[in-house]
C-alpha atoms as a PDB file:
ATOM      1  CA  MET A   1      27.652  82.384  69.659  1.00  0.00           C
ATOM      2  CA  ARG A   2      26.775  81.387  65.772  1.00  0.00           C
ATOM      3  CA  ARG A   3      23.011  82.040  64.461  1.00  0.00           C
ATOM      4  CA  LEU A   4      21.940  79.626  61.969  1.00  0.00           C
ATOM      5  CA  CYS A   5      18.316  80.555  60.381  1.00  0.00           C
ATOM      6  CA  LEU A   6      19.062  80.472  56.975  1.00  0.00           C
ATOM      7  CA  PHE A   7      16.685  80.133  53.504  1.00  0.00           C
ATOM      8  CA  ALA A   8      17.788  77.626  50.926  1.00  0.00           C
ATOM      9  CA  ALA A   9      18.260  80.566  48.558  1.00  0.00           C
ATOM     10  CA  ALA A  10      20.479  82.538  50.909  1.00  0.00           C
ATOM     11  CA  LEU A  11      23.366  79.405  51.443  1.00  0.00           C
ATOM     12  CA  ILE A  12      24.369  76.680  49.366  1.00  0.00           C
ATOM     13  CA  LEU A  13      25.889  73.459  52.009  1.00  0.00           C
ATOM     14  CA  VAL A  14      26.793  70.141  50.994  1.00  0.00           C
ATOM     15  CA  SER A  15      23.774  67.926  51.454  1.00  0.00           C
ATOM     16  CA  CYS A  16      24.418  65.209  53.840  1.00  0.00           C
ATOM     17  CA  SER A  17      21.588  63.434  54.422  1.00  0.00           C
ATOM     18  CA  PRO A  18      21.113  60.609  57.091  1.00  0.00           C
ATOM     19  CA  PRO A  19      21.203  56.848  56.057  1.00  0.00           C
ATOM     20  CA  GLN A  20      17.606  55.514  55.509  1.00  0.00           C
ATOM     21  CA  GLN A  21      15.755  54.070  58.480  1.00  0.00           C
ATOM     22  CA  LYS A  22      15.605  50.651  57.234  1.00  0.00           C
ATOM     23  CA  ALA A  23      19.225  50.224  56.219  1.00  0.00           C
ATOM     24  CA  LYS A  24      21.456  47.578  57.963  1.00  0.00           C
ATOM     25  CA  LYS A  25      22.365  47.803  61.442  1.00  0.00           C
ATOM     26  CA  PRO A  26      25.965  47.935  62.285  1.00  0.00           C
ATOM     27  CA  ASP A  27      27.870  45.128  64.021  1.00  0.00           C
ATOM     28  CA  GLY A  28      27.552  44.995  67.418  1.00  0.00           C
ATOM     29  CA  PHE A  29      23.934  46.574  67.553  1.00  0.00           C
ATOM     30  CA  LYS A  30      21.536  45.319  69.994  1.00  0.00           C
ATOM     31  CA  GLU A  31      19.019  45.747  72.290  1.00  0.00           C
ATOM     32  CA  ILE A  32      19.736  46.861  76.034  1.00  0.00           C
ATOM     33  CA  THR A  33      17.381  47.255  79.104  1.00  0.00           C
ATOM     34  CA  PHE A  34      17.888  49.277  82.325  1.00  0.00           C
ATOM     35  CA  GLU A  35      15.659  49.748  85.604  1.00  0.00           C
ATOM     36  CA  THR A  36      14.349  53.218  86.819  1.00  0.00           C
ATOM     37  CA  ALA A  37      14.200  54.526  90.253  1.00  0.00           C
ATOM     38  CA  ASP A  38      10.103  53.467  90.024  1.00  0.00           C
ATOM     39  CA  GLN A  39      11.128  49.951  88.615  1.00  0.00           C
ATOM     40  CA  ARG A  40      10.241  50.392  85.009  1.00  0.00           C
ATOM     41  CA  THR A  41      12.386  48.621  82.737  1.00  0.00           C
ATOM     42  CA  VAL A  42      13.594  50.727  79.735  1.00  0.00           C
ATOM     43  CA  TYR A  43      14.020  49.134  76.065  1.00  0.00           C
ATOM     44  CA  ALA A  44      16.807  51.105  74.316  1.00  0.00           C
ATOM     45  CA  ASP A  45      18.631  50.566  71.006  1.00  0.00           C
ATOM     46  CA  PHE A  46      22.418  50.534  71.187  1.00  0.00           C
ATOM     47  CA  TYR A  47      24.849  51.595  68.185  1.00  0.00           C
ATOM     48  CA  PRO A  48      28.093  51.112  68.614  1.00  0.00           C
ATOM     49  CA  ALA A  49      30.790  53.554  67.519  1.00  0.00           C
ATOM     50  CA  LEU A  50      32.894  52.909  64.384  1.00  0.00           C
ATOM     51  CA  GLU A  51      35.951  54.369  66.399  1.00  0.00           C
ATOM     52  CA  PRO A  52      37.226  51.419  68.624  1.00  0.00           C
ATOM     53  CA  ASN A  53      36.744  51.309  72.323  1.00  0.00           C
ATOM     54  CA  SER A  54      35.091  54.680  72.097  1.00  0.00           C
ATOM     55  CA  GLU A  55      34.308  56.315  75.674  1.00  0.00           C
ATOM     56  CA  LYS A  56      31.385  58.867  74.074  1.00  0.00           C
ATOM     57  CA  VAL A  57      27.893  58.265  73.855  1.00  0.00           C
ATOM     58  CA  ILE A  58      24.761  60.031  72.682  1.00  0.00           C
ATOM     59  CA  LEU A  59      21.693  59.519  74.456  1.00  0.00           C
ATOM     60  CA  MET A  60      18.916  59.769  71.619  1.00  0.00           C
ATOM     61  CA  PHE A  61      15.187  60.514  73.337  1.00  0.00           C
ATOM     62  CA  HIS A  62      12.280  60.505  70.886  1.00  0.00           C
ATOM     63  CA  GLN A  63       9.302  62.601  70.189  1.00  0.00           C
ATOM     64  CA  ALA A  64       5.699  62.060  71.737  1.00  0.00           C
ATOM     65  CA  ASN A  65       4.221  58.579  70.355  1.00  0.00           C
ATOM     66  CA  SER A  66       7.383  57.573  68.955  1.00  0.00           C
ATOM     67  CA  ASN A  67       9.931  55.371  69.912  1.00  0.00           C
ATOM     68  CA  ALA A  68      13.749  54.436  69.453  1.00  0.00           C
ATOM     69  CA  GLY A  69      12.923  53.748  65.606  1.00  0.00           C
ATOM     70  CA  GLU A  70      13.021  57.823  65.219  1.00  0.00           C
ATOM     71  CA  TYR A  71      17.018  57.329  65.444  1.00  0.00           C
ATOM     72  CA  GLU A  72      17.369  54.728  63.071  1.00  0.00           C
ATOM     73  CA  GLY A  73      18.979  57.105  60.260  1.00  0.00           C
ATOM     74  CA  PRO A  74      20.645  59.545  62.530  1.00  0.00           C
ATOM     75  CA  ALA A  75      21.968  57.198  64.725  1.00  0.00           C
ATOM     76  CA  LEU A  76      23.896  55.347  61.879  1.00  0.00           C
ATOM     77  CA  THR A  77      25.351  58.895  61.226  1.00  0.00           C
ATOM     78  CA  ALA A  78      26.592  59.666  64.477  1.00  0.00           C
ATOM     79  CA  ILE A  79      28.491  56.632  64.887  1.00  0.00           C
ATOM     80  CA  THR A  80      31.180  57.609  62.741  1.00  0.00           C
ATOM     81  CA  LEU A  81      31.553  60.631  64.336  1.00  0.00           C
ATOM     82  CA  GLY A  82      33.121  58.205  67.035  1.00  0.00           C
ATOM     83  CA  TYR A  83      29.945  58.203  69.232  1.00  0.00           C
ATOM     84  CA  ASN A  84      28.362  55.180  70.821  1.00  0.00           C
ATOM     85  CA  CYS A  85      24.550  55.568  70.487  1.00  0.00           C
ATOM     86  CA  ILE A  86      21.826  54.828  73.026  1.00  0.00           C
ATOM     87  CA  ALA A  87      18.195  55.460  71.433  1.00  0.00           C
ATOM     88  CA  LEU A  88      15.394  54.892  74.033  1.00  0.00           C
ATOM     89  CA  ASP A  89      11.726  53.529  73.778  1.00  0.00           C
ATOM     90  CA  GLN A  90      10.392  56.236  76.552  1.00  0.00           C
ATOM     91  CA  ARG A  91       7.071  55.736  78.507  1.00  0.00           C
ATOM     92  CA  ALA A  92       5.489  58.876  76.830  1.00  0.00           C
ATOM     93  CA  GLY A  93       5.917  57.458  73.376  1.00  0.00           C
ATOM     94  CA  GLY A  94       3.893  54.926  70.816  1.00  0.00           C
ATOM     95  CA  GLU A  95       3.670  53.292  67.666  1.00  0.00           C
ATOM     96  CA  MET A  96       5.265  54.876  64.833  1.00  0.00           C
ATOM     97  CA  TRP A  97       8.166  54.002  62.071  1.00  0.00           C
ATOM     98  CA  GLY A  98       6.825  50.869  61.680  1.00  0.00           C
ATOM     99  CA  ARG A  99       7.791  49.477  65.231  1.00  0.00           C
ATOM    100  CA  THR A 100       6.427  49.705  68.439  1.00  0.00           C
ATOM    101  CA  ASN A 101       7.723  50.929  71.707  1.00  0.00           C
ATOM    102  CA  ARG A 102       8.927  48.078  74.026  1.00  0.00           C
ATOM    103  CA  THR A 103       8.737  50.249  76.921  1.00  0.00           C
ATOM    104  CA  THR A 104       4.794  51.187  76.686  1.00  0.00           C
ATOM    105  CA  THR A 105       3.808  47.653  75.414  1.00  0.00           C
ATOM    106  CA  LYS A 106       5.238  46.090  78.164  1.00  0.00           C
ATOM    107  CA  GLY A 107       5.118  48.372  81.329  1.00  0.00           C
ATOM    108  CA  GLY A 108       2.319  50.959  80.076  1.00  0.00           C
ATOM    109  CA  THR A 109       2.160  54.873  79.283  1.00  0.00           C
ATOM    110  CA  GLY A 110       2.948  57.754  81.109  1.00  0.00           C
ATOM    111  CA  GLU A 111       3.027  61.282  80.897  1.00  0.00           C
ATOM    112  CA  TYR A 112       6.176  63.516  79.513  1.00  0.00           C
ATOM    113  CA  MET A 113       7.624  64.153  83.366  1.00  0.00           C
ATOM    114  CA  ASP A 114       7.179  60.376  83.912  1.00  0.00           C
ATOM    115  CA  ALA A 115       9.587  59.974  80.760  1.00  0.00           C
ATOM    116  CA  TYR A 116      12.140  61.899  82.685  1.00  0.00           C
ATOM    117  CA  LYS A 117      12.638  58.958  85.198  1.00  0.00           C
ATOM    118  CA  ASP A 118      13.202  57.127  82.005  1.00  0.00           C
ATOM    119  CA  MET A 119      16.180  59.673  81.063  1.00  0.00           C
ATOM    120  CA  GLU A 120      17.492  59.538  83.800  1.00  0.00           C
ATOM    121  CA  ALA A 121      18.060  55.914  84.223  1.00  0.00           C
ATOM    122  CA  ALA A 122      19.767  56.173  80.558  1.00  0.00           C
ATOM    123  CA  LEU A 123      22.319  58.448  82.432  1.00  0.00           C
ATOM    124  CA  ASP A 124      22.735  56.527  85.166  1.00  0.00           C
ATOM    125  CA  TYR A 125      23.123  53.430  82.561  1.00  0.00           C
ATOM    126  CA  CYS A 126      26.393  55.604  80.815  1.00  0.00           C
ATOM    127  CA  HIS A 127      27.418  56.465  84.312  1.00  0.00           C
ATOM    128  CA  THR A 128      27.599  52.526  85.276  1.00  0.00           C
ATOM    129  CA  HIS A 129      29.474  51.950  81.970  1.00  0.00           C
ATOM    130  CA  ASN A 130      32.347  54.566  82.455  1.00  0.00           C
ATOM    131  CA  TYR A 131      31.415  57.004  79.303  1.00  0.00           C
ATOM    132  CA  THR A 132      33.685  59.844  79.738  1.00  0.00           C
ATOM    133  CA  THR A 133      32.010  62.068  77.179  1.00  0.00           C
ATOM    134  CA  ILE A 134      28.107  62.093  77.241  1.00  0.00           C
ATOM    135  CA  LEU A 135      25.826  63.947  74.864  1.00  0.00           C
ATOM    136  CA  VAL A 136      22.180  64.276  75.248  1.00  0.00           C
ATOM    137  CA  TRP A 137      19.615  64.282  72.312  1.00  0.00           C
ATOM    138  CA  GLY A 138      16.159  65.153  72.439  1.00  0.00           C
ATOM    139  CA  SER A 139      13.188  65.791  69.873  1.00  0.00           C
ATOM    140  CA  SER A 140      10.002  67.937  70.972  1.00  0.00           C
ATOM    141  CA  TYR A 141       8.913  66.916  74.503  1.00  0.00           C
ATOM    142  CA  SER A 142      12.356  65.344  75.151  1.00  0.00           C
ATOM    143  CA  ALA A 143      14.273  68.365  74.027  1.00  0.00           C
ATOM    144  CA  SER A 144      12.765  70.308  76.396  1.00  0.00           C
ATOM    145  CA  LEU A 145      13.647  67.602  79.169  1.00  0.00           C
ATOM    146  CA  ALA A 146      17.146  67.485  78.093  1.00  0.00           C
ATOM    147  CA  PHE A 147      17.724  71.009  79.201  1.00  0.00           C
ATOM    148  CA  LYS A 148      16.509  69.687  82.871  1.00  0.00           C
ATOM    149  CA  LEU A 149      18.719  66.779  82.520  1.00  0.00           C
ATOM    150  CA  ALA A 150      22.014  68.960  81.519  1.00  0.00           C
ATOM    151  CA  THR A 151      21.080  71.506  84.349  1.00  0.00           C
ATOM    152  CA  GLU A 152      20.925  68.362  86.770  1.00  0.00           C
ATOM    153  CA  ASP A 153      24.420  66.198  85.631  1.00  0.00           C
ATOM    154  CA  SER A 154      27.753  68.146  85.472  1.00  0.00           C
ATOM    155  CA  THR A 155      28.683  64.580  83.320  1.00  0.00           C
ATOM    156  CA  ILE A 156      26.895  66.078  80.535  1.00  0.00           C
ATOM    157  CA  LYS A 157      29.042  67.844  77.776  1.00  0.00           C
ATOM    158  CA  ALA A 158      26.362  68.951  75.104  1.00  0.00           C
ATOM    159  CA  VAL A 159      22.923  69.277  74.510  1.00  0.00           C
ATOM    160  CA  ILE A 160      21.214  68.319  70.967  1.00  0.00           C
ATOM    161  CA  ALA A 161      17.463  69.741  71.031  1.00  0.00           C
ATOM    162  CA  PHE A 162      15.213  69.474  67.999  1.00  0.00           C
ATOM    163  CA  SER A 163      11.992  71.368  68.340  1.00  0.00           C
ATOM    164  CA  PRO A 164      12.216  72.104  72.468  1.00  0.00           C
ATOM    165  CA  GLY A 165       8.925  74.042  73.670  1.00  0.00           C
ATOM    166  CA  GLU A 166       7.198  74.669  76.509  1.00  0.00           C
ATOM    167  CA  TYR A 167       5.112  71.247  76.370  1.00  0.00           C
ATOM    168  CA  LEU A 168       4.535  71.314  79.996  1.00  0.00           C
ATOM    169  CA  GLU A 169       1.915  72.338  82.532  1.00  0.00           C
ATOM    170  CA  ASP A 170       3.775  75.138  83.827  1.00  0.00           C
ATOM    171  CA  PRO A 171       4.415  77.220  81.000  1.00  0.00           C
ATOM    172  CA  HIS A 172       7.734  79.205  81.645  1.00  0.00           C
ATOM    173  CA  ILE A 173       9.370  75.717  83.283  1.00  0.00           C
ATOM    174  CA  VAL A 174      11.410  74.949  80.139  1.00  0.00           C
ATOM    175  CA  LYS A 175      12.739  78.593  79.772  1.00  0.00           C
ATOM    176  CA  SER A 176      13.933  78.251  82.953  1.00  0.00           C
ATOM    177  CA  TRP A 177      15.801  75.416  82.363  1.00  0.00           C
ATOM    178  CA  ALA A 178      17.072  76.691  79.130  1.00  0.00           C
ATOM    179  CA  GLN A 179      18.842  79.965  81.560  1.00  0.00           C
ATOM    180  CA  LYS A 180      20.286  77.252  83.348  1.00  0.00           C
ATOM    181  CA  THR A 181      22.191  75.067  80.627  1.00  0.00           C
ATOM    182  CA  THR A 182      25.597  76.128  79.973  1.00  0.00           C
ATOM    183  CA  VAL A 183      27.238  73.684  78.081  1.00  0.00           C
ATOM    184  CA  PRO A 184      27.448  73.696  74.089  1.00  0.00           C
ATOM    185  CA  THR A 185      23.876  73.422  72.597  1.00  0.00           C
ATOM    186  CA  PHE A 186      22.374  72.891  69.479  1.00  0.00           C
ATOM    187  CA  PHE A 187      18.889  74.233  68.613  1.00  0.00           C
ATOM    188  CA  ALA A 188      16.887  73.152  65.795  1.00  0.00           C
ATOM    189  CA  CYS A 189      13.452  73.851  65.178  1.00  0.00           C
ATOM    190  CA  THR A 190      11.605  75.022  61.839  1.00  0.00           C
ATOM    191  CA  GLU A 191      11.033  78.624  60.470  1.00  0.00           C
ATOM    192  CA  GLY A 192       7.084  78.400  61.994  1.00  0.00           C
ATOM    193  CA  GLU A 193       8.481  77.323  65.155  1.00  0.00           C
ATOM    194  CA  LEU A 194      11.002  79.827  65.507  1.00  0.00           C
ATOM    195  CA  GLY A 195       8.417  82.583  65.071  1.00  0.00           C
ATOM    196  CA  ASP A 196       6.219  80.716  67.897  1.00  0.00           C
ATOM    197  CA  GLY A 197       8.387  80.909  70.786  1.00  0.00           C
ATOM    198  CA  ARG A 198      11.642  79.088  70.008  1.00  0.00           C
ATOM    199  CA  GLN A 199      13.608  82.247  69.785  1.00  0.00           C
ATOM    200  CA  ASP A 200      13.111  83.656  73.323  1.00  0.00           C
ATOM    201  CA  LEU A 201      14.265  79.701  74.333  1.00  0.00           C
ATOM    202  CA  PHE A 202      17.089  79.874  72.508  1.00  0.00           C
ATOM    203  CA  ASN A 203      18.052  83.198  73.505  1.00  0.00           C
ATOM    204  CA  ALA A 204      17.572  82.164  77.243  1.00  0.00           C
ATOM    205  CA  LEU A 205      20.744  79.353  76.713  1.00  0.00           C
ATOM    206  CA  HIS A 206      22.757  80.342  79.088  1.00  0.00           C
ATOM    207  CA  THR A 207      25.831  79.372  77.059  1.00  0.00           C
ATOM    208  CA  ASP A 208      27.735  81.236  74.024  1.00  0.00           C
ATOM    209  CA  LYS A 209      28.589  77.995  72.611  1.00  0.00           C
ATOM    210  CA  LYS A 210      24.987  77.587  70.901  1.00  0.00           C
ATOM    211  CA  VAL A 211      23.795  77.006  67.203  1.00  0.00           C
ATOM    212  CA  LEU A 212      20.475  77.799  66.151  1.00  0.00           C
ATOM    213  CA  ALA A 213      19.540  75.953  63.112  1.00  0.00           C
ATOM    214  CA  CYS A 214      16.259  76.484  61.174  1.00  0.00           C
ATOM    215  CA  PHE A 215      15.655  75.902  57.628  1.00  0.00           C
ATOM    216  CA  ASN A 216      12.913  76.145  55.066  1.00  0.00           C
ATOM    217  CA  GLY A 217      11.342  73.059  54.403  1.00  0.00           C
ATOM    218  CA  GLY A 218      12.391  71.736  57.926  1.00  0.00           C
ATOM    219  CA  VAL A 219       9.396  69.397  59.991  1.00  0.00           C
ATOM    220  CA  HIS A 220       9.150  68.861  63.847  1.00  0.00           C
ATOM    221  CA  GLY A 221      11.657  67.300  65.832  1.00  0.00           C
ATOM    222  CA  THR A 222      14.348  64.926  64.880  1.00  0.00           C
ATOM    223  CA  SER A 223      12.098  63.765  61.898  1.00  0.00           C
ATOM    224  CA  THR A 224      13.868  66.922  60.135  1.00  0.00           C
ATOM    225  CA  LEU A 225      16.491  65.048  59.690  1.00  0.00           C
ATOM    226  CA  LEU A 226      14.472  62.142  57.308  1.00  0.00           C
ATOM    227  CA  PRO A 227      15.004  62.864  53.869  1.00  0.00           C
ATOM    228  CA  GLU A 228      11.413  60.834  53.310  1.00  0.00           C
ATOM    229  CA  LYS A 229       9.912  63.388  55.882  1.00  0.00           C
ATOM    230  CA  SER A 230      12.186  66.552  55.188  1.00  0.00           C
ATOM    231  CA  GLU A 231      12.863  68.850  51.984  1.00  0.00           C
ATOM    232  CA  ALA A 232      16.113  69.912  54.730  1.00  0.00           C
ATOM    233  CA  ALA A 233      17.133  66.713  56.010  1.00  0.00           C
ATOM    234  CA  GLY A 234      20.586  67.587  54.541  1.00  0.00           C
ATOM    235  CA  LYS A 235      21.370  71.090  55.694  1.00  0.00           C
ATOM    236  CA  TYR A 236      20.147  69.971  59.655  1.00  0.00           C
ATOM    237  CA  MET A 237      22.472  67.108  59.219  1.00  0.00           C
ATOM    238  CA  GLU A 238      25.435  69.062  57.904  1.00  0.00           C
ATOM    239  CA  GLN A 239      25.018  71.445  60.340  1.00  0.00           C
ATOM    240  CA  LEU A 240      24.396  68.816  63.503  1.00  0.00           C
ATOM    241  CA  LYS A 241      28.099  67.239  62.101  1.00  0.00           C
ATOM    242  CA  LEU A 242      29.625  70.213  62.477  1.00  0.00           C
ATOM    243  CA  PHE A 243      28.566  71.081  65.681  1.00  0.00           C
ATOM    244  CA  ILE A 244      29.215  67.502  67.026  1.00  0.00           C
ATOM    245  CA  THR A 245      32.663  67.772  65.482  1.00  0.00           C
ATOM    246  CA  GLY A 246      33.451  70.930  67.038  1.00  0.00           C
ATOM    247  CA  LEU A 247      33.060  69.695  70.529  1.00  0.00           C
ATOM    248  CA  LYS A 248      36.116  68.060  69.840  1.00  0.00           C
ATOM    249  CA  LYS A 249      37.996  71.203  69.830  1.00  0.00           C
ATOM    250  CA  GLU A 250      36.356  72.461  73.300  1.00  0.00           C
END
């Protein structure tokens, strides 16, 4: 187990900031849709891996009041690591990043647990398209639900969780999912969040292949990877890249 909770003055890391959000989309970028078990249409952005014929994919789930635009920058980094990326507009979302949430605009909003159906549908989409390596990446409430998804589907190879927490009605349910999470896990949060319950969640993870990333200057959720939002964006991204590339050695 590696524990990374470092102040900027304590460690010098190579800064590797993700591309800006409005960067040019890669060739092959497209909008995709899939249907949920309760007959909702979910909209998502598909970013093709730069590695030809890659059978690896990262499912990217946003935070509350957000949309797929949260991953416009991070996805452009992830595709350079050999992964296709699918960034969702979940029904528990809204307008941010200068974009609307297509799923909520066309089908209405829902609660956090309603959005879990959207996440399940995305996983089913990956199965039907024969991806052999599936990673799930969550932000805030969806990071919590990513633990649940990983406990219920053995095809998931790793979890990336930015600012997970006990956001649901049952104040202990997320910890129970963490205790059942056995796949490699990247757990990121701010220094303030670490002292507000996240340390317990990290400790509860039932895997010794876990990384805790916590840096001075970070912000909530996947937004901490965006240089315009977070002073520690490069540090978080560098550690995330090390985690993802390290999965190849598992």
